[in-house]
Amino acid sequence: MTETNPTAFWRARDVLSITGEDAVTYLQGQLSQDVEALAPGTSADTLILQPQGKIDAWFRIHRSDDPDGPLFIADVAAGWAEPLIARLERFKLRVKVDINIRRDWGCLALRGSGIDSADPVVGAVVRVPVQWPGHHGVDLLGPRDELVIPAGFTEVEADVADRARIEAGIPEMGTELTESTIPAAAGIVERSVSFTKGCYTGQELVARIDSRGNNTPKHLRHIAFAADDAPAPGAGLVLDGKSVGELTSVAPAVGQSPGIALAYVHRSVEPATVVEITGSGASIAGEVKALPKAP
């Protein structure tokens, strides 16, 4: 997908509504983002963490500007609604907050040129601007049956959409982000954490690592490879006979574009280093690259 080719695809996202008179203060004490400062009609990436500072979920929180609608809408990677609700419910003691899954809702993603001039999508209740490195657009949330791809946009398959995510260096729950992930290792602290708000669960580890320059044992990197047969997620990375990482998401080579993968790589391995990608088949070479900077 390119900036000059307007495309559309369905993102696999679960959607939640969060209401109740204590919703703002409760979320403020649980999420890494400054919920109280979130203006109506705007969205932000946020983390909800374990007390030890590792990730329970990474998702988007949107503050509604509809006085008759839910106070907040949240969307998270598909399959993570129930774990997110369970985590939110765990610390919900004597507060008036209701959290519900919007099972009939979906997420329609529009990317490329023509976003601003596209006809409004009738069923889009929430419009979230997306600024990925190399890919810009908007995500539309609303009842799936009412979301219709606008004229001029070409629908693409899930593998094409996932390649865009991998190219942009965007981690995903269940692949790059698990219950053992430290947020700084995934490179999502800057976009997901407020350092000026009050306390929240898991704050101590995030603040301590930030004060030390985010020098985590491993970092999320790109691995470029030219092989026709793409390695599978989970393939190991070896340098000088030592294991230095593991692939998490893989996009095969397409046309003149090389294969690209996301991987956690030991901090001692600098970008431009060539490593060996090992798996069930023959080993291939891969070049470690830094993730692109967010616009």
C-alpha atoms as a PDB file:
ATOM      1  CA  MET A   1       0.000   0.000   0.000  1.00  0.00           C
ATOM      2  CA  THR A   2       1.337   3.427  -0.894  1.00  0.00           C
ATOM      3  CA  GLU A   3       0.385   7.026  -0.287  1.00  0.00           C
ATOM      4  CA  THR A   4      -0.888   7.369  -3.881  1.00  0.00           C
ATOM      5  CA  ASN A   5      -3.036   4.256  -3.829  1.00  0.00           C
ATOM      6  CA  PRO A   6      -6.182   4.717  -1.714  1.00  0.00           C
ATOM      7  CA  THR A   7      -6.963   1.399  -0.077  1.00  0.00           C
ATOM      8  CA  ALA A   8      -9.356   0.023   2.511  1.00  0.00           C
ATOM      9  CA  PHE A   9      -9.307  -3.031   4.721  1.00  0.00           C
ATOM     10  CA  TRP A  10     -11.036  -4.424   7.768  1.00  0.00           C
ATOM     11  CA  ARG A  11      -8.826  -4.321  10.861  1.00  0.00           C
ATOM     12  CA  ALA A  12      -9.332  -7.173  13.301  1.00  0.00           C
ATOM     13  CA  ARG A  13     -10.265  -5.138  16.365  1.00  0.00           C
ATOM     14  CA  ASP A  14     -12.523  -5.650  19.373  1.00  0.00           C
ATOM     15  CA  VAL A  15     -14.489  -2.591  20.509  1.00  0.00           C
ATOM     16  CA  LEU A  16     -15.583  -1.731  24.056  1.00  0.00           C
ATOM     17  CA  SER A  17     -17.750   0.983  25.570  1.00  0.00           C
ATOM     18  CA  ILE A  18     -16.924   2.380  29.008  1.00  0.00           C
ATOM     19  CA  THR A  19     -19.516   4.414  30.915  1.00  0.00           C
ATOM     20  CA  GLY A  20     -20.345   5.467  34.453  1.00  0.00           C
ATOM     21  CA  GLU A  21     -19.895   8.507  36.670  1.00  0.00           C
ATOM     22  CA  ASP A  22     -16.527   7.232  37.965  1.00  0.00           C
ATOM     23  CA  ALA A  23     -15.143   6.223  34.549  1.00  0.00           C
ATOM     24  CA  VAL A  24     -12.746   9.163  34.177  1.00  0.00           C
ATOM     25  CA  THR A  25     -11.174   8.906  37.615  1.00  0.00           C
ATOM     26  CA  TYR A  26     -11.008   5.117  37.481  1.00  0.00           C
ATOM     27  CA  LEU A  27      -9.332   4.980  34.085  1.00  0.00           C
ATOM     28  CA  GLN A  28      -6.964   7.764  35.137  1.00  0.00           C
ATOM     29  CA  GLY A  29      -5.621   5.499  37.863  1.00  0.00           C
ATOM     30  CA  GLN A  30      -5.334   2.443  35.607  1.00  0.00           C
ATOM     31  CA  LEU A  31      -4.119   3.637  32.197  1.00  0.00           C
ATOM     32  CA  SER A  32      -0.738   5.063  31.235  1.00  0.00           C
ATOM     33  CA  GLN A  33      -2.352   7.851  29.205  1.00  0.00           C
ATOM     34  CA  ASP A  34      -3.740  11.069  30.712  1.00  0.00           C
ATOM     35  CA  VAL A  35      -7.435  10.264  30.394  1.00  0.00           C
ATOM     36  CA  GLU A  36      -8.564  13.390  32.237  1.00  0.00           C
ATOM     37  CA  ALA A  37      -6.788  15.572  29.675  1.00  0.00           C
ATOM     38  CA  LEU A  38      -8.239  13.722  26.686  1.00  0.00           C
ATOM     39  CA  ALA A  39     -10.527  16.170  24.876  1.00  0.00           C
ATOM     40  CA  PRO A  40     -13.939  15.023  23.657  1.00  0.00           C
ATOM     41  CA  GLY A  41     -13.689  13.676  20.123  1.00  0.00           C
ATOM     42  CA  THR A  42     -10.016  12.707  20.408  1.00  0.00           C
ATOM     43  CA  SER A  43      -8.178   9.407  20.831  1.00  0.00           C
ATOM     44  CA  ALA A  44      -4.860   8.201  22.215  1.00  0.00           C
ATOM     45  CA  ASP A  45      -2.847   5.001  22.419  1.00  0.00           C
ATOM     46  CA  THR A  46      -2.573   3.715  25.963  1.00  0.00           C
ATOM     47  CA  LEU A  47      -1.244   0.850  28.025  1.00  0.00           C
ATOM     48  CA  ILE A  48      -2.774  -1.010  30.906  1.00  0.00           C
ATOM     49  CA  LEU A  49      -0.042  -2.672  32.898  1.00  0.00           C
ATOM     50  CA  GLN A  50       0.583  -5.302  35.497  1.00  0.00           C
ATOM     51  CA  PRO A  51       1.693  -3.942  38.885  1.00  0.00           C
ATOM     52  CA  GLN A  52       5.223  -5.054  37.888  1.00  0.00           C
ATOM     53  CA  GLY A  53       5.044  -2.793  34.799  1.00  0.00           C
ATOM     54  CA  LYS A  54       4.686  -5.404  32.058  1.00  0.00           C
ATOM     55  CA  ILE A  55       1.898  -5.243  29.472  1.00  0.00           C
ATOM     56  CA  ASP A  56      -1.631  -6.488  30.019  1.00  0.00           C
ATOM     57  CA  ALA A  57      -2.949  -4.697  26.910  1.00  0.00           C
ATOM     58  CA  TRP A  58      -2.094  -1.938  24.422  1.00  0.00           C
ATOM     59  CA  PHE A  59      -5.124  -0.265  22.902  1.00  0.00           C
ATOM     60  CA  ARG A  60      -6.741   3.019  21.874  1.00  0.00           C
ATOM     61  CA  ILE A  61      -9.054   5.029  24.067  1.00  0.00           C
ATOM     62  CA  HIS A  62     -11.468   7.529  22.500  1.00  0.00           C
ATOM     63  CA  ARG A  63     -13.391  10.119  24.511  1.00  0.00           C
ATOM     64  CA  SER A  64     -16.836  10.587  23.047  1.00  0.00           C
ATOM     65  CA  ASP A  65     -18.187  13.982  22.048  1.00  0.00           C
ATOM     66  CA  ASP A  66     -21.738  12.576  21.951  1.00  0.00           C
ATOM     67  CA  PRO A  67     -23.602  13.562  25.139  1.00  0.00           C
ATOM     68  CA  ASP A  68     -26.057  10.706  24.607  1.00  0.00           C
ATOM     69  CA  GLY A  69     -23.442   8.020  23.863  1.00  0.00           C
ATOM     70  CA  PRO A  70     -20.934   6.111  25.973  1.00  0.00           C
ATOM     71  CA  LEU A  71     -18.301   8.214  27.692  1.00  0.00           C
ATOM     72  CA  PHE A  72     -15.395   6.258  26.182  1.00  0.00           C
ATOM     73  CA  ILE A  73     -14.881   3.862  23.276  1.00  0.00           C
ATOM     74  CA  ALA A  74     -11.832   1.577  23.332  1.00  0.00           C
ATOM     75  CA  ASP A  75     -10.526  -0.676  20.581  1.00  0.00           C
ATOM     76  CA  VAL A  76      -7.953  -3.433  20.997  1.00  0.00           C
ATOM     77  CA  ALA A  77      -6.564  -6.254  18.853  1.00  0.00           C
ATOM     78  CA  ALA A  78      -9.129  -8.969  18.110  1.00  0.00           C
ATOM     79  CA  GLY A  79      -9.397 -11.545  20.856  1.00  0.00           C
ATOM     80  CA  TRP A  80      -8.187  -9.180  23.571  1.00  0.00           C
ATOM     81  CA  ALA A  81     -11.500  -7.665  24.675  1.00  0.00           C
ATOM     82  CA  GLU A  82     -12.147 -10.264  27.356  1.00  0.00           C
ATOM     83  CA  PRO A  83      -8.610 -10.100  28.854  1.00  0.00           C
ATOM     84  CA  LEU A  84      -8.817  -6.296  28.841  1.00  0.00           C
ATOM     85  CA  ILE A  85     -12.186  -6.302  30.588  1.00  0.00           C
ATOM     86  CA  ALA A  86     -10.938  -8.854  33.133  1.00  0.00           C
ATOM     87  CA  ARG A  87      -7.960  -6.628  33.900  1.00  0.00           C
ATOM     88  CA  LEU A  88     -10.141  -3.529  34.259  1.00  0.00           C
ATOM     89  CA  GLU A  89     -12.599  -5.359  36.482  1.00  0.00           C
ATOM     90  CA  ARG A  90      -9.828  -6.686  38.748  1.00  0.00           C
ATOM     91  CA  PHE A  91      -9.238  -3.329  40.428  1.00  0.00           C
ATOM     92  CA  LYS A  92     -12.769  -1.939  40.105  1.00  0.00           C
ATOM     93  CA  LEU A  93     -13.796  -1.704  43.745  1.00  0.00           C
ATOM     94  CA  ARG A  94     -16.755   0.440  44.805  1.00  0.00           C
ATOM     95  CA  VAL A  95     -16.702   2.544  41.650  1.00  0.00           C
ATOM     96  CA  LYS A  96     -19.509   3.160  39.178  1.00  0.00           C
ATOM     97  CA  VAL A  97     -18.068   2.018  35.866  1.00  0.00           C
ATOM     98  CA  ASP A  98     -19.683  -0.233  33.253  1.00  0.00           C
ATOM     99  CA  ILE A  99     -17.604  -1.944  30.542  1.00  0.00           C
ATOM    100  CA  ASN A 100     -19.245  -3.748  27.633  1.00  0.00           C
ATOM    101  CA  ILE A 101     -18.111  -5.350  24.373  1.00  0.00           C
ATOM    102  CA  ARG A 102     -19.699  -3.877  21.236  1.00  0.00           C
ATOM    103  CA  ARG A 103     -19.853  -7.170  19.356  1.00  0.00           C
ATOM    104  CA  ASP A 104     -21.639  -5.681  16.349  1.00  0.00           C
ATOM    105  CA  TRP A 105     -18.967  -3.026  15.813  1.00  0.00           C
ATOM    106  CA  GLY A 106     -16.011  -3.214  13.420  1.00  0.00           C
ATOM    107  CA  CYS A 107     -13.000  -1.187  12.326  1.00  0.00           C
ATOM    108  CA  LEU A 108     -12.739  -0.043   8.693  1.00  0.00           C
ATOM    109  CA  ALA A 109      -9.280   1.298   7.828  1.00  0.00           C
ATOM    110  CA  LEU A 110      -8.709   3.764   4.986  1.00  0.00           C
ATOM    111  CA  ARG A 111      -5.149   4.452   3.851  1.00  0.00           C
ATOM    112  CA  GLY A 112      -3.427   6.551   1.194  1.00  0.00           C
ATOM    113  CA  SER A 113      -4.440   9.634  -0.755  1.00  0.00           C
ATOM    114  CA  GLY A 114      -8.028  10.799  -0.889  1.00  0.00           C
ATOM    115  CA  ILE A 115      -8.784  10.375   2.809  1.00  0.00           C
ATOM    116  CA  ASP A 116      -9.838  13.985   3.376  1.00  0.00           C
ATOM    117  CA  SER A 117     -11.989  14.127   0.253  1.00  0.00           C
ATOM    118  CA  ALA A 118     -13.629  10.719   0.724  1.00  0.00           C
ATOM    119  CA  ASP A 119     -17.383  10.656   1.148  1.00  0.00           C
ATOM    120  CA  PRO A 120     -18.355  10.391   4.827  1.00  0.00           C
ATOM    121  CA  VAL A 121     -19.039   6.838   5.953  1.00  0.00           C
ATOM    122  CA  VAL A 122     -22.535   6.841   7.411  1.00  0.00           C
ATOM    123  CA  GLY A 123     -21.970   4.249  10.142  1.00  0.00           C
ATOM    124  CA  ALA A 124     -18.693   5.688  11.395  1.00  0.00           C
ATOM    125  CA  VAL A 125     -19.259   6.706  15.017  1.00  0.00           C
ATOM    126  CA  VAL A 126     -15.565   7.182  15.822  1.00  0.00           C
ATOM    127  CA  ARG A 127     -12.957   8.526  13.379  1.00  0.00           C
ATOM    128  CA  VAL A 128      -9.361   7.964  14.478  1.00  0.00           C
ATOM    129  CA  PRO A 129      -6.509   9.564  12.472  1.00  0.00           C
ATOM    130  CA  VAL A 130      -3.649   7.121  11.843  1.00  0.00           C
ATOM    131  CA  GLN A 131      -0.089   8.325  11.259  1.00  0.00           C
ATOM    132  CA  TRP A 132       2.116   5.292  10.698  1.00  0.00           C
ATOM    133  CA  PRO A 133       5.579   5.793   9.196  1.00  0.00           C
ATOM    134  CA  GLY A 134       5.025   5.549   5.436  1.00  0.00           C
ATOM    135  CA  HIS A 135       1.279   5.018   5.789  1.00  0.00           C
ATOM    136  CA  HIS A 136      -1.315   7.588   6.791  1.00  0.00           C
ATOM    137  CA  GLY A 137      -5.065   7.408   6.945  1.00  0.00           C
ATOM    138  CA  VAL A 138      -7.993   6.939   9.282  1.00  0.00           C
ATOM    139  CA  ASP A 139      -9.677   4.121  11.194  1.00  0.00           C
ATOM    140  CA  LEU A 140     -13.475   4.199  11.364  1.00  0.00           C
ATOM    141  CA  LEU A 141     -15.310   2.490  14.218  1.00  0.00           C
ATOM    142  CA  GLY A 142     -19.014   1.778  14.206  1.00  0.00           C
ATOM    143  CA  PRO A 143     -21.659  -0.888  13.559  1.00  0.00           C
ATOM    144  CA  ARG A 144     -20.030  -3.179  11.008  1.00  0.00           C
ATOM    145  CA  ASP A 145     -23.185  -3.560   8.913  1.00  0.00           C
ATOM    146  CA  GLU A 146     -23.294   0.218   8.416  1.00  0.00           C
ATOM    147  CA  LEU A 147     -19.641   0.784   7.486  1.00  0.00           C
ATOM    148  CA  VAL A 148     -19.232   0.912   3.703  1.00  0.00           C
ATOM    149  CA  ILE A 149     -15.989   1.396   1.785  1.00  0.00           C
ATOM    150  CA  PRO A 150     -16.142   4.813   0.035  1.00  0.00           C
ATOM    151  CA  ALA A 151     -15.952   5.137  -3.747  1.00  0.00           C
ATOM    152  CA  GLY A 152     -12.416   5.303  -5.056  1.00  0.00           C
ATOM    153  CA  PHE A 153     -10.919   3.008  -2.404  1.00  0.00           C
ATOM    154  CA  THR A 154      -9.754  -0.508  -3.276  1.00  0.00           C
ATOM    155  CA  GLU A 155     -10.276  -3.207  -0.659  1.00  0.00           C
ATOM    156  CA  VAL A 156      -7.107  -5.205   0.051  1.00  0.00           C
ATOM    157  CA  GLU A 157      -6.601  -8.527   1.806  1.00  0.00           C
ATOM    158  CA  ALA A 158      -5.439  -8.987   5.371  1.00  0.00           C
ATOM    159  CA  ASP A 159      -1.889  -9.983   4.384  1.00  0.00           C
ATOM    160  CA  VAL A 160      -1.417  -6.712   2.474  1.00  0.00           C
ATOM    161  CA  ALA A 161      -2.692  -4.760   5.461  1.00  0.00           C
ATOM    162  CA  ASP A 162      -0.429  -6.676   7.835  1.00  0.00           C
ATOM    163  CA  ARG A 163       2.585  -5.930   5.651  1.00  0.00           C
ATOM    164  CA  ALA A 164       1.833  -2.216   6.063  1.00  0.00           C
ATOM    165  CA  ARG A 165       1.798  -2.687   9.850  1.00  0.00           C
ATOM    166  CA  ILE A 166       5.106  -4.539   9.780  1.00  0.00           C
ATOM    167  CA  GLU A 167       6.710  -1.982   7.440  1.00  0.00           C
ATOM    168  CA  ALA A 168       5.616   0.795   9.792  1.00  0.00           C
ATOM    169  CA  GLY A 169       7.049  -1.049  12.802  1.00  0.00           C
ATOM    170  CA  ILE A 170       3.730  -1.175  14.664  1.00  0.00           C
ATOM    171  CA  PRO A 171       3.621  -3.962  17.275  1.00  0.00           C
ATOM    172  CA  GLU A 172       0.485  -6.044  17.839  1.00  0.00           C
ATOM    173  CA  MET A 173      -0.989  -7.773  20.858  1.00  0.00           C
ATOM    174  CA  GLY A 174      -0.254 -11.505  20.803  1.00  0.00           C
ATOM    175  CA  THR A 175       2.796 -11.216  18.544  1.00  0.00           C
ATOM    176  CA  GLU A 176       5.100  -8.392  19.621  1.00  0.00           C
ATOM    177  CA  LEU A 177       3.205  -7.605  22.816  1.00  0.00           C
ATOM    178  CA  THR A 178       2.564 -10.253  25.476  1.00  0.00           C
ATOM    179  CA  GLU A 179       2.291 -10.410  29.254  1.00  0.00           C
ATOM    180  CA  SER A 180       6.100 -10.644  29.471  1.00  0.00           C
ATOM    181  CA  THR A 181       6.785  -7.535  27.332  1.00  0.00           C
ATOM    182  CA  ILE A 182       8.341  -4.401  28.808  1.00  0.00           C
ATOM    183  CA  PRO A 183       6.775  -1.395  27.010  1.00  0.00           C
ATOM    184  CA  ALA A 184      10.122   0.322  26.381  1.00  0.00           C
ATOM    185  CA  ALA A 185      11.430  -2.736  24.516  1.00  0.00           C
ATOM    186  CA  ALA A 186       8.574  -2.383  21.996  1.00  0.00           C
ATOM    187  CA  GLY A 187       9.212   1.322  21.440  1.00  0.00           C
ATOM    188  CA  ILE A 188       5.670   2.404  22.363  1.00  0.00           C
ATOM    189  CA  VAL A 189       6.292   4.433  25.511  1.00  0.00           C
ATOM    190  CA  GLU A 190       6.497   7.840  23.824  1.00  0.00           C
ATOM    191  CA  ARG A 191       3.146   7.434  22.074  1.00  0.00           C
ATOM    192  CA  SER A 192       1.335   5.703  24.926  1.00  0.00           C
ATOM    193  CA  VAL A 193       2.518   7.158  28.248  1.00  0.00           C
ATOM    194  CA  SER A 194       1.989  10.491  29.968  1.00  0.00           C
ATOM    195  CA  PHE A 195       4.813  11.438  32.326  1.00  0.00           C
ATOM    196  CA  THR A 196       2.923  14.426  33.725  1.00  0.00           C
ATOM    197  CA  LYS A 197      -0.202  12.707  35.059  1.00  0.00           C
ATOM    198  CA  GLY A 198      -0.639  11.174  38.476  1.00  0.00           C
ATOM    199  CA  CYS A 199       0.056   7.612  39.513  1.00  0.00           C
ATOM    200  CA  TYR A 200      -1.282   4.565  37.691  1.00  0.00           C
ATOM    201  CA  THR A 201      -0.785   0.830  38.069  1.00  0.00           C
ATOM    202  CA  GLY A 202       2.629  -0.253  36.797  1.00  0.00           C
ATOM    203  CA  GLN A 203       4.048   3.274  36.607  1.00  0.00           C
ATOM    204  CA  GLU A 204       7.187   2.601  38.635  1.00  0.00           C
ATOM    205  CA  LEU A 205       8.938   0.336  36.111  1.00  0.00           C
ATOM    206  CA  VAL A 206       8.045   2.586  33.161  1.00  0.00           C
ATOM    207  CA  ALA A 207       9.414   5.664  34.924  1.00  0.00           C
ATOM    208  CA  ARG A 208      12.573   3.894  36.116  1.00  0.00           C
ATOM    209  CA  ILE A 209      13.462   2.562  32.653  1.00  0.00           C
ATOM    210  CA  ASP A 210      12.779   5.958  31.074  1.00  0.00           C
ATOM    211  CA  SER A 211      15.071   7.677  33.568  1.00  0.00           C
ATOM    212  CA  ARG A 212      17.844   5.271  32.550  1.00  0.00           C
ATOM    213  CA  GLY A 213      17.507   5.916  28.826  1.00  0.00           C
ATOM    214  CA  ASN A 214      15.209   2.992  27.934  1.00  0.00           C
ATOM    215  CA  ASN A 215      18.201   0.659  27.891  1.00  0.00           C
ATOM    216  CA  THR A 216      16.204  -2.567  27.939  1.00  0.00           C
ATOM    217  CA  PRO A 217      17.887  -5.957  27.273  1.00  0.00           C
ATOM    218  CA  LYS A 218      16.283  -6.156  23.826  1.00  0.00           C
ATOM    219  CA  HIS A 219      14.662  -3.822  21.319  1.00  0.00           C
ATOM    220  CA  LEU A 220      12.046  -4.264  18.611  1.00  0.00           C
ATOM    221  CA  ARG A 221      13.780  -4.069  15.217  1.00  0.00           C
ATOM    222  CA  HIS A 222      13.213  -4.666  11.536  1.00  0.00           C
ATOM    223  CA  ILE A 223      14.881  -7.645   9.862  1.00  0.00           C
ATOM    224  CA  ALA A 224      15.162  -7.388   6.055  1.00  0.00           C
ATOM    225  CA  PHE A 225      15.714 -10.542   4.002  1.00  0.00           C
ATOM    226  CA  ALA A 226      15.739 -11.372   0.296  1.00  0.00           C
ATOM    227  CA  ALA A 227      14.860 -15.074   0.307  1.00  0.00           C
ATOM    228  CA  ASP A 228      11.937 -16.301  -1.751  1.00  0.00           C
ATOM    229  CA  ASP A 229      10.840 -18.566   1.094  1.00  0.00           C
ATOM    230  CA  ALA A 230      10.015 -16.373   4.064  1.00  0.00           C
ATOM    231  CA  PRO A 231      10.928 -17.627   7.528  1.00  0.00           C
ATOM    232  CA  ALA A 232       8.126 -18.189   9.993  1.00  0.00           C
ATOM    233  CA  PRO A 233       7.448 -16.181  13.137  1.00  0.00           C
ATOM    234  CA  GLY A 234       9.475 -17.725  15.928  1.00  0.00           C
ATOM    235  CA  ALA A 235      12.554 -18.243  13.755  1.00  0.00           C
ATOM    236  CA  GLY A 236      15.711 -17.492  15.672  1.00  0.00           C
ATOM    237  CA  LEU A 237      18.415 -14.907  14.993  1.00  0.00           C
ATOM    238  CA  VAL A 238      22.039 -15.968  15.429  1.00  0.00           C
ATOM    239  CA  LEU A 239      25.214 -13.886  15.422  1.00  0.00           C
ATOM    240  CA  ASP A 240      28.668 -15.439  15.860  1.00  0.00           C
ATOM    241  CA  GLY A 241      27.052 -18.669  17.000  1.00  0.00           C
ATOM    242  CA  LYS A 242      24.962 -16.983  19.715  1.00  0.00           C
ATOM    243  CA  SER A 243      21.198 -16.491  19.836  1.00  0.00           C
ATOM    244  CA  VAL A 244      20.422 -12.766  19.685  1.00  0.00           C
ATOM    245  CA  GLY A 245      16.708 -12.648  18.936  1.00  0.00           C
ATOM    246  CA  GLU A 246      13.530 -14.074  17.460  1.00  0.00           C
ATOM    247  CA  LEU A 247      11.111 -13.079  14.698  1.00  0.00           C
ATOM    248  CA  THR A 248       7.617 -12.095  15.813  1.00  0.00           C
ATOM    249  CA  SER A 249       5.835 -11.036  12.565  1.00  0.00           C
ATOM    250  CA  VAL A 250       6.893 -11.721   8.957  1.00  0.00           C
ATOM    251  CA  ALA A 251       5.915 -10.244   5.574  1.00  0.00           C
ATOM    252  CA  PRO A 252       7.338 -12.097   2.520  1.00  0.00           C
ATOM    253  CA  ALA A 253       9.167 -10.330  -0.299  1.00  0.00           C
ATOM    254  CA  VAL A 254       6.809  -8.702  -2.824  1.00  0.00           C
ATOM    255  CA  GLY A 255       8.044  -7.657  -6.271  1.00  0.00           C
ATOM    256  CA  GLN A 256      11.111  -5.479  -5.792  1.00  0.00           C
ATOM    257  CA  SER A 257      10.465  -5.091  -2.059  1.00  0.00           C
ATOM    258  CA  PRO A 258      12.481  -7.421   0.176  1.00  0.00           C
ATOM    259  CA  GLY A 259      10.946  -9.510   2.896  1.00  0.00           C
ATOM    260  CA  ILE A 260      10.552  -7.644   6.160  1.00  0.00           C
ATOM    261  CA  ALA A 261      10.002  -8.909   9.683  1.00  0.00           C
ATOM    262  CA  LEU A 262       9.678  -7.601  13.207  1.00  0.00           C
ATOM    263  CA  ALA A 263      11.920  -9.129  15.825  1.00  0.00           C
ATOM    264  CA  TYR A 264      13.180  -8.538  19.320  1.00  0.00           C
ATOM    265  CA  VAL A 265      16.962  -8.241  19.069  1.00  0.00           C
ATOM    266  CA  HIS A 266      19.550  -8.061  21.848  1.00  0.00           C
ATOM    267  CA  ARG A 267      20.616  -4.496  22.544  1.00  0.00           C
ATOM    268  CA  SER A 268      24.254  -5.322  21.707  1.00  0.00           C
ATOM    269  CA  VAL A 269      23.338  -5.902  18.042  1.00  0.00           C
ATOM    270  CA  GLU A 270      23.431  -2.604  16.171  1.00  0.00           C
ATOM    271  CA  PRO A 271      21.396  -1.752  13.046  1.00  0.00           C
ATOM    272  CA  ALA A 272      23.115  -2.753   9.763  1.00  0.00           C
ATOM    273  CA  THR A 273      24.409  -5.952  11.372  1.00  0.00           C
ATOM    274  CA  VAL A 274      23.815  -9.088   9.281  1.00  0.00           C
ATOM    275  CA  VAL A 275      22.476 -12.019  11.280  1.00  0.00           C
ATOM    276  CA  GLU A 276      21.551 -15.594  10.466  1.00  0.00           C
ATOM    277  CA  ILE A 277      17.838 -16.418  10.445  1.00  0.00           C
ATOM    278  CA  THR A 278      17.389 -20.023  11.533  1.00  0.00           C
ATOM    279  CA  GLY A 279      14.280 -22.152  11.316  1.00  0.00           C
ATOM    280  CA  SER A 280      13.002 -25.470  10.048  1.00  0.00           C
ATOM    281  CA  GLY A 281      14.613 -25.003   6.620  1.00  0.00           C
ATOM    282  CA  ALA A 282      17.937 -23.630   5.430  1.00  0.00           C
ATOM    283  CA  SER A 283      19.316 -20.611   7.254  1.00  0.00           C
ATOM    284  CA  ILE A 284      19.171 -17.267   5.436  1.00  0.00           C
ATOM    285  CA  ALA A 285      20.794 -13.894   5.985  1.00  0.00           C
ATOM    286  CA  GLY A 286      18.913 -10.964   7.472  1.00  0.00           C
ATOM    287  CA  GLU A 287      19.922  -7.370   8.074  1.00  0.00           C
ATOM    288  CA  VAL A 288      18.982  -5.684  11.339  1.00  0.00           C
ATOM    289  CA  LYS A 289      17.407  -2.267  10.827  1.00  0.00           C
ATOM    290  CA  ALA A 290      16.083   0.393  13.163  1.00  0.00           C
ATOM    291  CA  LEU A 291      12.337   0.934  13.053  1.00  0.00           C
ATOM    292  CA  PRO A 292      11.203   4.022  11.123  1.00  0.00           C
ATOM    293  CA  LYS A 293      10.520   7.138  13.170  1.00  0.00           C
ATOM    294  CA  ALA A 294       6.926   8.128  13.730  1.00  0.00           C
ATOM    295  CA  PRO A 295       5.881  11.250  11.751  1.00  0.00           C
END
